[in-house]
N, C-alpha and C. Protein backbone atom coordinates (compact mmCIF):
# COMPACT_ATOMS: atom_id res chain seq x y z
N MET A 1 -10.00 -19.03 19.77
CA MET A 1 -9.00 -18.38 18.90
C MET A 1 -8.59 -17.05 19.51
N THR A 2 -7.29 -16.79 19.57
CA THR A 2 -6.79 -15.56 20.19
C THR A 2 -7.06 -14.36 19.28
N ARG A 3 -7.58 -13.30 19.87
CA ARG A 3 -7.83 -12.08 19.12
C ARG A 3 -6.52 -11.38 18.80
N ALA A 4 -6.40 -10.87 17.59
CA ALA A 4 -5.21 -10.12 17.21
C ALA A 4 -5.09 -8.87 18.07
N ARG A 5 -3.84 -8.50 18.37
CA ARG A 5 -3.63 -7.23 19.07
C ARG A 5 -4.21 -6.10 18.24
N ARG A 6 -4.79 -5.14 18.93
CA ARG A 6 -5.37 -3.98 18.26
C ARG A 6 -4.54 -2.75 18.57
N ILE A 7 -3.98 -2.16 17.53
CA ILE A 7 -3.21 -0.92 17.66
C ILE A 7 -4.12 0.23 17.24
N MET A 8 -4.50 1.06 18.17
CA MET A 8 -5.40 2.18 17.90
C MET A 8 -4.59 3.40 17.45
N ILE A 9 -4.82 3.83 16.22
CA ILE A 9 -4.14 4.99 15.65
C ILE A 9 -5.17 6.11 15.60
N VAL A 10 -5.05 7.03 16.51
CA VAL A 10 -6.13 8.00 16.76
C VAL A 10 -5.74 9.38 16.24
N GLY A 11 -6.28 9.74 15.09
CA GLY A 11 -6.09 11.07 14.55
C GLY A 11 -6.87 12.09 15.36
N ASN A 12 -6.74 13.35 14.96
CA ASN A 12 -7.35 14.43 15.73
C ASN A 12 -8.74 14.84 15.23
N GLY A 13 -9.33 14.03 14.37
CA GLY A 13 -10.66 14.33 13.86
C GLY A 13 -11.75 13.82 14.77
N ASP A 14 -12.99 14.01 14.31
CA ASP A 14 -14.16 13.61 15.09
C ASP A 14 -14.28 12.09 15.15
N VAL A 15 -14.81 11.61 16.28
CA VAL A 15 -15.13 10.19 16.44
C VAL A 15 -16.54 10.06 16.98
N ARG A 16 -17.13 8.89 16.80
CA ARG A 16 -18.48 8.65 17.31
C ARG A 16 -18.46 8.60 18.83
N ALA A 17 -19.62 8.87 19.43
CA ALA A 17 -19.70 8.98 20.89
C ALA A 17 -19.27 7.71 21.59
N GLU A 18 -19.54 6.57 20.98
CA GLU A 18 -19.24 5.30 21.62
C GLU A 18 -17.81 4.84 21.36
N ALA A 19 -17.01 5.67 20.71
CA ALA A 19 -15.65 5.25 20.33
C ALA A 19 -14.69 5.18 21.51
N ALA A 20 -14.89 6.03 22.51
CA ALA A 20 -13.89 6.18 23.57
C ALA A 20 -13.56 4.85 24.25
N ALA A 21 -14.57 4.10 24.62
CA ALA A 21 -14.34 2.84 25.33
C ALA A 21 -13.60 1.83 24.47
N VAL A 22 -13.91 1.81 23.17
CA VAL A 22 -13.25 0.87 22.27
C VAL A 22 -11.79 1.25 22.09
N ILE A 23 -11.53 2.55 21.95
CA ILE A 23 -10.14 3.00 21.83
C ILE A 23 -9.35 2.66 23.09
N ASP A 24 -9.91 2.96 24.24
CA ASP A 24 -9.20 2.72 25.49
C ASP A 24 -8.97 1.23 25.76
N ALA A 25 -9.74 0.36 25.11
CA ALA A 25 -9.55 -1.09 25.27
C ALA A 25 -8.50 -1.64 24.33
N GLY A 26 -7.90 -0.80 23.50
CA GLY A 26 -6.87 -1.27 22.58
C GLY A 26 -5.63 -1.74 23.31
N ASP A 27 -4.80 -2.49 22.60
CA ASP A 27 -3.56 -2.99 23.18
C ASP A 27 -2.45 -1.94 23.14
N LEU A 28 -2.55 -1.00 22.22
CA LEU A 28 -1.62 0.13 22.12
C LEU A 28 -2.40 1.29 21.51
N VAL A 29 -2.30 2.45 22.12
CA VAL A 29 -3.03 3.63 21.63
C VAL A 29 -2.01 4.72 21.27
N ILE A 30 -2.06 5.14 20.02
CA ILE A 30 -1.16 6.17 19.50
C ILE A 30 -1.98 7.41 19.17
N ARG A 31 -1.56 8.54 19.71
CA ARG A 31 -2.20 9.83 19.40
C ARG A 31 -1.17 10.75 18.76
N PHE A 32 -1.63 11.93 18.33
CA PHE A 32 -0.79 12.80 17.53
C PHE A 32 -0.76 14.22 18.09
N ASN A 33 0.45 14.77 18.16
CA ASN A 33 0.66 16.19 18.47
C ASN A 33 -0.16 16.63 19.67
N GLY A 34 -1.15 17.49 19.47
CA GLY A 34 -1.92 18.04 20.58
C GLY A 34 -3.05 17.17 21.08
N SER A 35 -3.25 16.00 20.46
CA SER A 35 -4.31 15.07 20.89
C SER A 35 -5.63 15.83 21.13
N ARG A 36 -6.08 16.54 20.10
CA ARG A 36 -7.18 17.49 20.28
C ARG A 36 -8.49 16.85 20.69
N ASN A 37 -8.69 15.58 20.34
CA ASN A 37 -9.95 14.93 20.72
C ASN A 37 -9.80 14.03 21.95
N PHE A 38 -8.75 14.26 22.73
CA PHE A 38 -8.54 13.52 23.98
C PHE A 38 -9.79 13.70 24.85
N GLY A 39 -10.32 12.60 25.35
CA GLY A 39 -11.58 12.63 26.11
C GLY A 39 -12.68 12.02 25.27
N PRO A 40 -13.24 12.74 24.30
CA PRO A 40 -14.24 12.13 23.42
C PRO A 40 -13.70 10.91 22.67
N ALA A 41 -12.41 10.91 22.36
CA ALA A 41 -11.78 9.78 21.69
C ALA A 41 -10.98 8.93 22.68
N GLY A 42 -11.45 8.86 23.91
CA GLY A 42 -10.77 8.08 24.92
C GLY A 42 -9.63 8.83 25.58
N LYS A 43 -9.05 8.19 26.59
CA LYS A 43 -7.98 8.83 27.34
C LYS A 43 -6.69 8.01 27.39
N ARG A 44 -6.81 6.73 27.15
CA ARG A 44 -5.59 5.93 27.18
C ARG A 44 -4.63 6.43 26.11
N THR A 45 -3.39 6.59 26.47
CA THR A 45 -2.36 7.04 25.53
C THR A 45 -1.05 6.34 25.86
N ASP A 46 -0.56 5.57 24.92
CA ASP A 46 0.73 4.90 25.08
C ASP A 46 1.84 5.63 24.33
N VAL A 47 1.49 6.21 23.20
CA VAL A 47 2.47 6.90 22.34
C VAL A 47 1.87 8.22 21.88
N VAL A 48 2.67 9.28 21.92
CA VAL A 48 2.32 10.52 21.23
C VAL A 48 3.31 10.69 20.09
N ALA A 49 2.80 10.70 18.86
CA ALA A 49 3.63 10.91 17.68
C ALA A 49 3.62 12.40 17.35
N VAL A 50 4.78 13.00 17.18
CA VAL A 50 4.87 14.45 17.02
C VAL A 50 5.55 14.82 15.71
N CYS A 51 5.12 15.95 15.14
CA CYS A 51 5.85 16.59 14.06
C CYS A 51 7.04 17.31 14.70
N ASN A 52 8.20 16.77 14.53
CA ASN A 52 9.39 17.28 15.23
C ASN A 52 10.16 18.30 14.41
N THR A 53 9.53 18.82 13.35
CA THR A 53 10.15 19.89 12.58
C THR A 53 9.16 21.04 12.43
N GLY A 54 9.69 22.21 12.08
CA GLY A 54 8.85 23.34 11.76
C GLY A 54 8.10 23.92 12.95
N ARG A 55 7.13 24.77 12.63
CA ARG A 55 6.38 25.46 13.67
C ARG A 55 5.68 24.53 14.66
N PRO A 56 5.05 23.44 14.20
CA PRO A 56 4.39 22.56 15.18
C PRO A 56 5.36 22.03 16.24
N GLY A 57 6.54 21.61 15.80
CA GLY A 57 7.53 21.11 16.76
C GLY A 57 7.96 22.18 17.74
N ALA A 58 8.26 23.38 17.23
CA ALA A 58 8.70 24.47 18.11
C ALA A 58 7.60 24.85 19.10
N GLN A 59 6.36 24.91 18.61
CA GLN A 59 5.26 25.33 19.48
C GLN A 59 4.98 24.32 20.59
N MET A 60 5.02 23.03 20.25
CA MET A 60 4.77 22.02 21.29
C MET A 60 5.83 22.08 22.38
N LEU A 61 7.08 22.12 21.99
CA LEU A 61 8.14 22.13 22.99
C LEU A 61 8.08 23.36 23.88
N ALA A 62 7.63 24.48 23.34
CA ALA A 62 7.60 25.72 24.11
C ALA A 62 6.34 25.88 24.96
N ASP A 63 5.38 24.98 24.77
CA ASP A 63 4.06 25.15 25.40
C ASP A 63 3.93 24.28 26.65
N PRO A 64 3.89 24.86 27.84
CA PRO A 64 3.73 24.05 29.05
C PRO A 64 2.41 23.29 29.08
N GLN A 65 1.38 23.81 28.43
CA GLN A 65 0.10 23.09 28.39
C GLN A 65 0.23 21.80 27.62
N TRP A 66 1.04 21.80 26.54
CA TRP A 66 1.28 20.55 25.81
C TRP A 66 2.12 19.61 26.67
N ARG A 67 3.21 20.11 27.23
CA ARG A 67 4.13 19.25 27.98
C ARG A 67 3.44 18.59 29.17
N ASP A 68 2.50 19.30 29.80
CA ASP A 68 1.84 18.78 30.99
C ASP A 68 0.43 18.25 30.72
N SER A 69 0.07 18.13 29.44
CA SER A 69 -1.26 17.64 29.10
C SER A 69 -1.43 16.19 29.56
N GLU A 70 -2.69 15.79 29.73
CA GLU A 70 -2.98 14.42 30.18
C GLU A 70 -2.43 13.39 29.20
N ALA A 71 -2.60 13.64 27.91
CA ALA A 71 -2.16 12.66 26.92
C ALA A 71 -0.64 12.48 26.97
N VAL A 72 0.08 13.59 26.97
CA VAL A 72 1.54 13.51 26.99
C VAL A 72 2.03 12.92 28.31
N SER A 73 1.41 13.30 29.40
CA SER A 73 1.81 12.77 30.71
C SER A 73 1.61 11.27 30.78
N ALA A 74 0.53 10.78 30.15
CA ALA A 74 0.22 9.35 30.21
C ALA A 74 1.12 8.52 29.31
N ALA A 75 1.62 9.11 28.23
CA ALA A 75 2.36 8.35 27.21
C ALA A 75 3.66 7.78 27.75
N ARG A 76 3.96 6.57 27.33
CA ARG A 76 5.24 5.95 27.65
C ARG A 76 6.32 6.31 26.65
N GLU A 77 5.87 6.69 25.44
CA GLU A 77 6.82 6.95 24.36
C GLU A 77 6.43 8.20 23.58
N ILE A 78 7.44 8.91 23.10
CA ILE A 78 7.28 10.01 22.16
C ILE A 78 7.94 9.57 20.85
N TRP A 79 7.19 9.62 19.76
CA TRP A 79 7.74 9.27 18.46
C TRP A 79 7.90 10.54 17.63
N SER A 80 9.11 10.83 17.20
CA SER A 80 9.37 11.90 16.25
C SER A 80 9.22 11.32 14.85
N ILE A 81 8.26 11.84 14.09
CA ILE A 81 7.91 11.17 12.83
C ILE A 81 8.81 11.56 11.67
N ARG A 82 9.61 12.62 11.83
CA ARG A 82 10.39 13.12 10.71
C ARG A 82 11.89 12.92 10.94
N ASP A 83 12.49 12.13 10.08
CA ASP A 83 13.91 11.81 10.20
C ASP A 83 14.75 13.06 9.92
N PRO A 84 15.60 13.48 10.85
CA PRO A 84 16.35 14.73 10.67
C PRO A 84 17.22 14.75 9.42
N GLU A 85 17.86 13.64 9.09
CA GLU A 85 18.73 13.62 7.91
C GLU A 85 17.92 13.78 6.63
N LYS A 86 16.77 13.13 6.57
CA LYS A 86 15.94 13.26 5.37
C LYS A 86 15.46 14.70 5.21
N PHE A 87 15.07 15.34 6.31
CA PHE A 87 14.55 16.69 6.21
C PHE A 87 15.66 17.72 5.97
N ALA A 88 16.87 17.39 6.38
CA ALA A 88 18.00 18.25 6.02
C ALA A 88 18.23 18.22 4.51
N ARG A 89 18.05 17.03 3.91
CA ARG A 89 18.18 16.93 2.44
C ARG A 89 17.01 17.61 1.73
N LEU A 90 15.84 17.59 2.36
CA LEU A 90 14.65 18.18 1.76
C LEU A 90 14.69 19.71 1.77
N GLN A 91 15.39 20.27 2.74
CA GLN A 91 15.35 21.72 2.93
C GLN A 91 15.75 22.53 1.68
N PRO A 92 16.89 22.23 1.05
CA PRO A 92 17.25 23.02 -0.14
C PRO A 92 16.28 22.82 -1.31
N VAL A 93 15.65 21.66 -1.38
CA VAL A 93 14.66 21.41 -2.44
C VAL A 93 13.44 22.29 -2.22
N LEU A 94 12.97 22.35 -0.98
CA LEU A 94 11.80 23.18 -0.67
C LEU A 94 12.11 24.67 -0.80
N ALA A 95 13.36 25.04 -0.58
CA ALA A 95 13.72 26.46 -0.73
C ALA A 95 13.45 26.95 -2.14
N VAL A 96 13.50 26.03 -3.10
CA VAL A 96 13.22 26.38 -4.50
C VAL A 96 11.74 26.20 -4.82
N SER A 97 11.18 25.04 -4.42
CA SER A 97 9.80 24.71 -4.84
C SER A 97 8.74 25.37 -3.96
N HIS A 98 9.05 25.56 -2.68
CA HIS A 98 8.09 26.13 -1.74
C HIS A 98 8.81 27.11 -0.81
N PRO A 99 9.25 28.24 -1.32
CA PRO A 99 10.03 29.16 -0.47
C PRO A 99 9.25 29.68 0.73
N GLU A 100 7.91 29.62 0.66
CA GLU A 100 7.10 30.06 1.80
C GLU A 100 7.23 29.12 3.00
N LEU A 101 7.73 27.91 2.77
CA LEU A 101 7.91 26.94 3.86
C LEU A 101 9.34 27.02 4.39
N ASP A 102 9.79 28.23 4.67
CA ASP A 102 11.20 28.44 5.00
C ASP A 102 11.61 27.83 6.34
N ASP A 103 10.64 27.58 7.24
CA ASP A 103 10.99 26.96 8.53
C ASP A 103 10.47 25.53 8.65
N PHE A 104 9.98 24.97 7.55
CA PHE A 104 9.34 23.65 7.58
C PHE A 104 10.29 22.56 8.05
N CYS A 105 11.55 22.66 7.68
CA CYS A 105 12.53 21.62 8.00
C CYS A 105 13.36 21.93 9.24
N ASP A 106 13.08 23.04 9.92
CA ASP A 106 13.80 23.32 11.17
C ASP A 106 13.59 22.16 12.13
N ASP A 107 14.69 21.63 12.66
CA ASP A 107 14.63 20.35 13.36
C ASP A 107 14.66 20.52 14.88
N TYR A 108 13.70 19.86 15.55
CA TYR A 108 13.61 19.91 17.01
C TYR A 108 13.68 18.51 17.64
N THR A 109 14.27 17.58 16.90
CA THR A 109 14.34 16.20 17.39
C THR A 109 15.09 16.12 18.72
N ILE A 110 16.19 16.82 18.85
CA ILE A 110 16.96 16.77 20.10
C ILE A 110 16.11 17.29 21.26
N GLY A 111 15.34 18.33 21.00
CA GLY A 111 14.47 18.86 22.05
C GLY A 111 13.46 17.84 22.52
N PHE A 112 12.86 17.10 21.59
CA PHE A 112 11.89 16.07 21.98
C PHE A 112 12.59 14.91 22.70
N ALA A 113 13.78 14.56 22.27
CA ALA A 113 14.54 13.51 22.96
C ALA A 113 14.85 13.92 24.39
N GLN A 114 15.25 15.16 24.56
CA GLN A 114 15.57 15.64 25.91
C GLN A 114 14.32 15.71 26.78
N PHE A 115 13.22 16.16 26.19
CA PHE A 115 11.96 16.20 26.93
C PHE A 115 11.56 14.80 27.37
N ALA A 116 11.63 13.84 26.45
CA ALA A 116 11.25 12.46 26.78
C ALA A 116 12.13 11.91 27.90
N ALA A 117 13.42 12.13 27.81
CA ALA A 117 14.34 11.62 28.83
C ALA A 117 14.03 12.24 30.19
N ALA A 118 13.73 13.54 30.20
CA ALA A 118 13.43 14.22 31.47
C ALA A 118 12.14 13.71 32.10
N ARG A 119 11.23 13.20 31.27
CA ARG A 119 9.94 12.69 31.78
C ARG A 119 9.94 11.16 31.87
N ASP A 120 11.10 10.53 31.74
CA ASP A 120 11.22 9.07 31.85
C ASP A 120 10.38 8.36 30.80
N LYS A 121 10.44 8.87 29.56
CA LYS A 121 9.74 8.26 28.44
C LYS A 121 10.76 7.81 27.40
N GLN A 122 10.39 6.82 26.62
CA GLN A 122 11.21 6.41 25.49
C GLN A 122 11.01 7.39 24.34
N HIS A 123 12.06 7.60 23.56
CA HIS A 123 11.96 8.45 22.39
C HIS A 123 12.39 7.65 21.17
N ARG A 124 11.61 7.74 20.11
CA ARG A 124 11.89 7.01 18.88
C ARG A 124 11.80 7.98 17.70
N VAL A 125 12.72 7.86 16.77
CA VAL A 125 12.66 8.61 15.52
C VAL A 125 12.29 7.64 14.41
N ILE A 126 11.22 7.93 13.67
CA ILE A 126 10.83 7.08 12.56
C ILE A 126 11.85 7.26 11.43
N PRO A 127 12.48 6.19 10.98
CA PRO A 127 13.57 6.31 10.00
C PRO A 127 13.11 6.89 8.67
N GLY A 128 14.04 7.54 8.00
CA GLY A 128 13.75 8.07 6.68
C GLY A 128 13.33 7.00 5.69
N ALA A 129 13.82 5.77 5.88
CA ALA A 129 13.45 4.67 4.97
C ALA A 129 11.95 4.40 5.02
N VAL A 130 11.33 4.61 6.16
CA VAL A 130 9.88 4.44 6.28
C VAL A 130 9.17 5.48 5.42
N HIS A 131 9.63 6.71 5.52
CA HIS A 131 9.07 7.81 4.71
C HIS A 131 9.19 7.48 3.22
N GLU A 132 10.36 6.98 2.82
CA GLU A 132 10.58 6.68 1.41
C GLU A 132 9.73 5.50 0.94
N ALA A 133 9.53 4.51 1.82
CA ALA A 133 8.66 3.38 1.47
C ALA A 133 7.22 3.85 1.30
N LEU A 134 6.80 4.79 2.13
CA LEU A 134 5.45 5.33 2.00
C LEU A 134 5.30 6.12 0.71
N ASP A 135 6.29 6.94 0.39
CA ASP A 135 6.25 7.66 -0.89
C ASP A 135 6.08 6.69 -2.05
N ALA A 136 6.81 5.57 -2.00
CA ALA A 136 6.73 4.58 -3.08
C ALA A 136 5.34 3.95 -3.14
N ALA A 137 4.77 3.64 -1.97
CA ALA A 137 3.43 3.05 -1.93
C ALA A 137 2.39 4.02 -2.47
N LEU A 138 2.52 5.30 -2.11
CA LEU A 138 1.55 6.30 -2.56
C LEU A 138 1.66 6.58 -4.05
N SER A 139 2.84 6.36 -4.62
CA SER A 139 3.03 6.64 -6.05
C SER A 139 2.11 5.79 -6.92
N THR A 140 1.69 4.65 -6.41
CA THR A 140 0.77 3.77 -7.13
C THR A 140 -0.52 4.51 -7.48
N TYR A 141 -0.89 5.47 -6.64
CA TYR A 141 -2.18 6.17 -6.80
C TYR A 141 -2.03 7.51 -7.50
N ARG A 142 -0.86 7.75 -8.07
CA ARG A 142 -0.59 8.94 -8.90
C ARG A 142 -1.02 10.23 -8.20
N PRO A 143 -0.45 10.52 -7.03
CA PRO A 143 -0.83 11.76 -6.35
C PRO A 143 -0.30 12.98 -7.10
N ALA A 144 -1.00 14.10 -6.93
CA ALA A 144 -0.47 15.37 -7.41
C ALA A 144 0.79 15.68 -6.62
N PRO A 145 1.64 16.57 -7.13
CA PRO A 145 2.86 16.91 -6.38
C PRO A 145 2.53 17.32 -4.94
N TYR A 146 3.31 16.80 -4.00
CA TYR A 146 3.08 17.08 -2.59
C TYR A 146 4.42 17.27 -1.89
N VAL A 147 4.35 17.74 -0.65
CA VAL A 147 5.58 17.98 0.11
C VAL A 147 5.96 16.75 0.91
N VAL A 148 5.09 16.31 1.80
CA VAL A 148 5.35 15.12 2.62
C VAL A 148 4.01 14.43 2.90
N PRO A 149 4.05 13.13 3.18
CA PRO A 149 2.84 12.45 3.63
C PRO A 149 2.42 12.97 5.01
N SER A 150 1.19 12.68 5.39
CA SER A 150 0.69 13.10 6.69
C SER A 150 1.31 12.28 7.81
N SER A 151 1.22 12.84 9.02
CA SER A 151 1.77 12.15 10.19
C SER A 151 1.11 10.79 10.38
N GLY A 152 -0.20 10.74 10.20
CA GLY A 152 -0.91 9.49 10.41
C GLY A 152 -0.43 8.39 9.50
N MET A 153 -0.25 8.71 8.22
CA MET A 153 0.19 7.67 7.29
C MET A 153 1.63 7.27 7.54
N LEU A 154 2.46 8.20 7.99
CA LEU A 154 3.84 7.82 8.34
C LEU A 154 3.85 6.84 9.51
N VAL A 155 3.00 7.05 10.49
CA VAL A 155 2.92 6.12 11.61
C VAL A 155 2.39 4.77 11.14
N ILE A 156 1.38 4.77 10.28
CA ILE A 156 0.87 3.51 9.75
C ILE A 156 1.97 2.75 9.03
N GLN A 157 2.74 3.45 8.19
CA GLN A 157 3.83 2.79 7.46
C GLN A 157 4.90 2.29 8.41
N ALA A 158 5.18 3.04 9.46
CA ALA A 158 6.17 2.59 10.45
C ALA A 158 5.72 1.29 11.11
N LEU A 159 4.44 1.18 11.41
CA LEU A 159 3.91 -0.05 12.02
C LEU A 159 3.95 -1.20 11.04
N LEU A 160 3.59 -0.93 9.78
CA LEU A 160 3.63 -1.97 8.76
C LEU A 160 5.06 -2.47 8.53
N SER A 161 6.05 -1.61 8.75
CA SER A 161 7.44 -1.94 8.49
C SER A 161 8.13 -2.63 9.66
N ASP A 162 7.45 -2.68 10.80
CA ASP A 162 8.07 -3.19 12.03
C ASP A 162 7.58 -4.61 12.29
N PRO A 163 8.47 -5.62 12.25
CA PRO A 163 8.05 -7.01 12.47
C PRO A 163 7.33 -7.22 13.81
N LYS A 164 7.58 -6.34 14.79
CA LYS A 164 6.92 -6.49 16.09
C LYS A 164 5.40 -6.39 15.97
N PHE A 165 4.93 -5.77 14.89
CA PHE A 165 3.50 -5.56 14.73
C PHE A 165 2.90 -6.40 13.61
N ASP A 166 3.63 -7.43 13.16
CA ASP A 166 3.13 -8.27 12.07
C ASP A 166 1.81 -8.95 12.43
N ASP A 167 1.60 -9.24 13.72
CA ASP A 167 0.39 -9.95 14.14
C ASP A 167 -0.72 -9.02 14.58
N ALA A 168 -0.54 -7.71 14.39
CA ALA A 168 -1.49 -6.74 14.94
C ALA A 168 -2.46 -6.25 13.87
N LEU A 169 -3.66 -5.93 14.32
CA LEU A 169 -4.65 -5.26 13.49
C LEU A 169 -4.57 -3.77 13.78
N LEU A 170 -4.35 -2.98 12.75
CA LEU A 170 -4.27 -1.54 12.91
C LEU A 170 -5.67 -0.96 12.79
N VAL A 171 -6.07 -0.18 13.80
CA VAL A 171 -7.42 0.39 13.84
C VAL A 171 -7.31 1.91 13.70
N LEU A 172 -7.95 2.45 12.68
CA LEU A 172 -7.84 3.87 12.35
C LEU A 172 -9.07 4.61 12.85
N ALA A 173 -8.83 5.67 13.65
CA ALA A 173 -9.93 6.47 14.20
C ALA A 173 -9.59 7.95 14.07
N GLY A 174 -10.62 8.77 13.87
CA GLY A 174 -10.40 10.21 13.84
C GLY A 174 -9.63 10.70 12.64
N PHE A 175 -9.73 9.99 11.51
CA PHE A 175 -9.04 10.38 10.28
C PHE A 175 -10.06 10.76 9.21
N GLY A 176 -9.97 11.98 8.72
CA GLY A 176 -10.83 12.41 7.64
C GLY A 176 -10.12 12.49 6.30
N HIS A 177 -8.80 12.22 6.30
CA HIS A 177 -7.98 12.30 5.09
C HIS A 177 -8.17 13.64 4.39
N GLY A 178 -8.04 14.70 5.16
CA GLY A 178 -8.12 16.05 4.63
C GLY A 178 -7.38 17.00 5.55
N GLY A 179 -7.00 18.15 5.01
CA GLY A 179 -6.29 19.13 5.83
C GLY A 179 -5.30 19.92 5.00
N TRP A 180 -4.05 19.94 5.43
CA TRP A 180 -3.02 20.76 4.80
C TRP A 180 -2.91 20.44 3.32
N GLU A 181 -2.84 21.47 2.50
CA GLU A 181 -2.90 21.29 1.05
C GLU A 181 -1.73 20.51 0.47
N TRP A 182 -0.60 20.44 1.18
CA TRP A 182 0.58 19.79 0.61
C TRP A 182 0.79 18.37 1.13
N HIS A 183 -0.24 17.78 1.75
CA HIS A 183 -0.27 16.34 2.01
C HIS A 183 -1.06 15.66 0.89
N PRO A 184 -0.69 14.45 0.49
CA PRO A 184 -1.39 13.76 -0.61
C PRO A 184 -2.60 12.97 -0.10
N PHE A 185 -3.61 13.67 0.38
CA PHE A 185 -4.69 13.00 1.10
C PHE A 185 -5.49 12.02 0.24
N ASP A 186 -5.72 12.35 -1.02
CA ASP A 186 -6.50 11.43 -1.85
C ASP A 186 -5.77 10.11 -2.03
N ALA A 187 -4.47 10.18 -2.30
CA ALA A 187 -3.68 8.95 -2.43
C ALA A 187 -3.62 8.20 -1.10
N GLU A 188 -3.53 8.94 0.00
CA GLU A 188 -3.49 8.28 1.32
C GLU A 188 -4.79 7.55 1.60
N ARG A 189 -5.92 8.15 1.23
CA ARG A 189 -7.20 7.47 1.43
C ARG A 189 -7.24 6.16 0.63
N GLN A 190 -6.77 6.22 -0.60
CA GLN A 190 -6.78 5.02 -1.44
C GLN A 190 -5.85 3.94 -0.86
N PHE A 191 -4.70 4.35 -0.37
CA PHE A 191 -3.78 3.39 0.23
C PHE A 191 -4.40 2.77 1.48
N ALA A 192 -5.04 3.60 2.30
CA ALA A 192 -5.71 3.08 3.50
C ALA A 192 -6.81 2.10 3.11
N ASP A 193 -7.56 2.42 2.07
CA ASP A 193 -8.61 1.49 1.62
C ASP A 193 -8.00 0.16 1.17
N HIS A 194 -6.85 0.23 0.51
CA HIS A 194 -6.16 -1.00 0.10
C HIS A 194 -5.77 -1.83 1.33
N LEU A 195 -5.27 -1.16 2.37
CA LEU A 195 -4.89 -1.87 3.59
C LEU A 195 -6.10 -2.49 4.27
N VAL A 196 -7.24 -1.81 4.20
CA VAL A 196 -8.48 -2.39 4.73
C VAL A 196 -8.83 -3.66 3.97
N GLN A 197 -8.77 -3.59 2.65
CA GLN A 197 -9.12 -4.75 1.83
C GLN A 197 -8.17 -5.92 2.07
N SER A 198 -6.90 -5.61 2.40
CA SER A 198 -5.92 -6.68 2.63
C SER A 198 -6.03 -7.26 4.04
N GLY A 199 -6.81 -6.61 4.91
CA GLY A 199 -7.00 -7.12 6.26
C GLY A 199 -6.02 -6.60 7.29
N ARG A 200 -5.10 -5.71 6.89
CA ARG A 200 -4.13 -5.18 7.85
C ARG A 200 -4.68 -4.02 8.67
N LEU A 201 -5.70 -3.37 8.16
CA LEU A 201 -6.23 -2.17 8.80
C LEU A 201 -7.75 -2.23 8.80
N VAL A 202 -8.35 -1.67 9.84
CA VAL A 202 -9.81 -1.53 9.89
C VAL A 202 -10.12 -0.13 10.41
N ARG A 203 -11.16 0.45 9.87
CA ARG A 203 -11.61 1.75 10.38
C ARG A 203 -12.49 1.52 11.60
N LEU A 204 -12.33 2.37 12.61
CA LEU A 204 -13.04 2.18 13.87
C LEU A 204 -14.54 2.14 13.66
N ASP A 205 -15.07 2.94 12.76
CA ASP A 205 -16.51 2.93 12.51
C ASP A 205 -16.99 1.55 12.11
N THR A 206 -16.17 0.80 11.36
CA THR A 206 -16.54 -0.56 10.97
C THR A 206 -16.61 -1.47 12.18
N LEU A 207 -15.64 -1.34 13.10
CA LEU A 207 -15.68 -2.14 14.33
C LEU A 207 -16.91 -1.81 15.16
N LEU A 208 -17.21 -0.54 15.27
CA LEU A 208 -18.37 -0.12 16.06
C LEU A 208 -19.66 -0.64 15.45
N GLN A 209 -19.76 -0.55 14.13
CA GLN A 209 -20.97 -1.04 13.45
C GLN A 209 -21.12 -2.53 13.64
N SER A 210 -20.00 -3.26 13.58
CA SER A 210 -20.03 -4.70 13.78
C SER A 210 -20.50 -5.04 15.19
N SER A 211 -20.00 -4.27 16.18
CA SER A 211 -20.39 -4.51 17.57
C SER A 211 -21.88 -4.25 17.77
N LEU A 212 -22.38 -3.20 17.14
CA LEU A 212 -23.81 -2.86 17.27
C LEU A 212 -24.66 -3.96 16.62
N SER A 213 -24.21 -4.47 15.49
CA SER A 213 -24.96 -5.51 14.79
C SER A 213 -25.01 -6.80 15.60
N GLN A 214 -23.89 -7.14 16.25
CA GLN A 214 -23.84 -8.35 17.06
C GLN A 214 -24.70 -8.22 18.31
N GLY A 215 -24.83 -6.96 18.79
CA GLY A 215 -25.63 -6.75 19.99
C GLY A 215 -27.11 -6.62 19.72
N ALA A 216 -27.47 -6.50 18.43
CA ALA A 216 -28.89 -6.30 18.08
C ALA A 216 -29.70 -7.57 18.29
């Protein structure tokens, strides 16, 4: 029986020591922004998904260490996770509800597209419809008011929405479902658990434990 393709979605959190080889053996490896655990969480990188708005986007584009990092250099594709049109609509709303986030919607998508083209990489923008589908899925879990879903969950929803990945098993690594206060992390954890139960997603620790048990 043919093994399902494994799409490794590697967040920037801690991973177990034996995770690197399993991640690098994936059929597609997606990392995020600065790929902070590059090395301990493997080195293979096919896609770097970036926050293409606000300070993170501006800082990455301006930073030669990011542009020339091993992860970014290895990647074939750069994915901008935030749809410019959606964030343009969000900006006046946040100006009222979260005035402290005055640069949150500043858009650097063109800069990432130009960077990708200059480095012979593909550039993809995750559509706003994916973001809206994720908001709808998360609403099931009654999240407290939030600004936007996390980058990791947006990428997961993008993969779930793309028929090219219908036959793939999504493998989640380096995700603690915690961080910035305006992401709906509790609802995201519940949604991820639902995906695990449905068989579309597996946490890397589960794969590692299974491998250890089979080897015992």
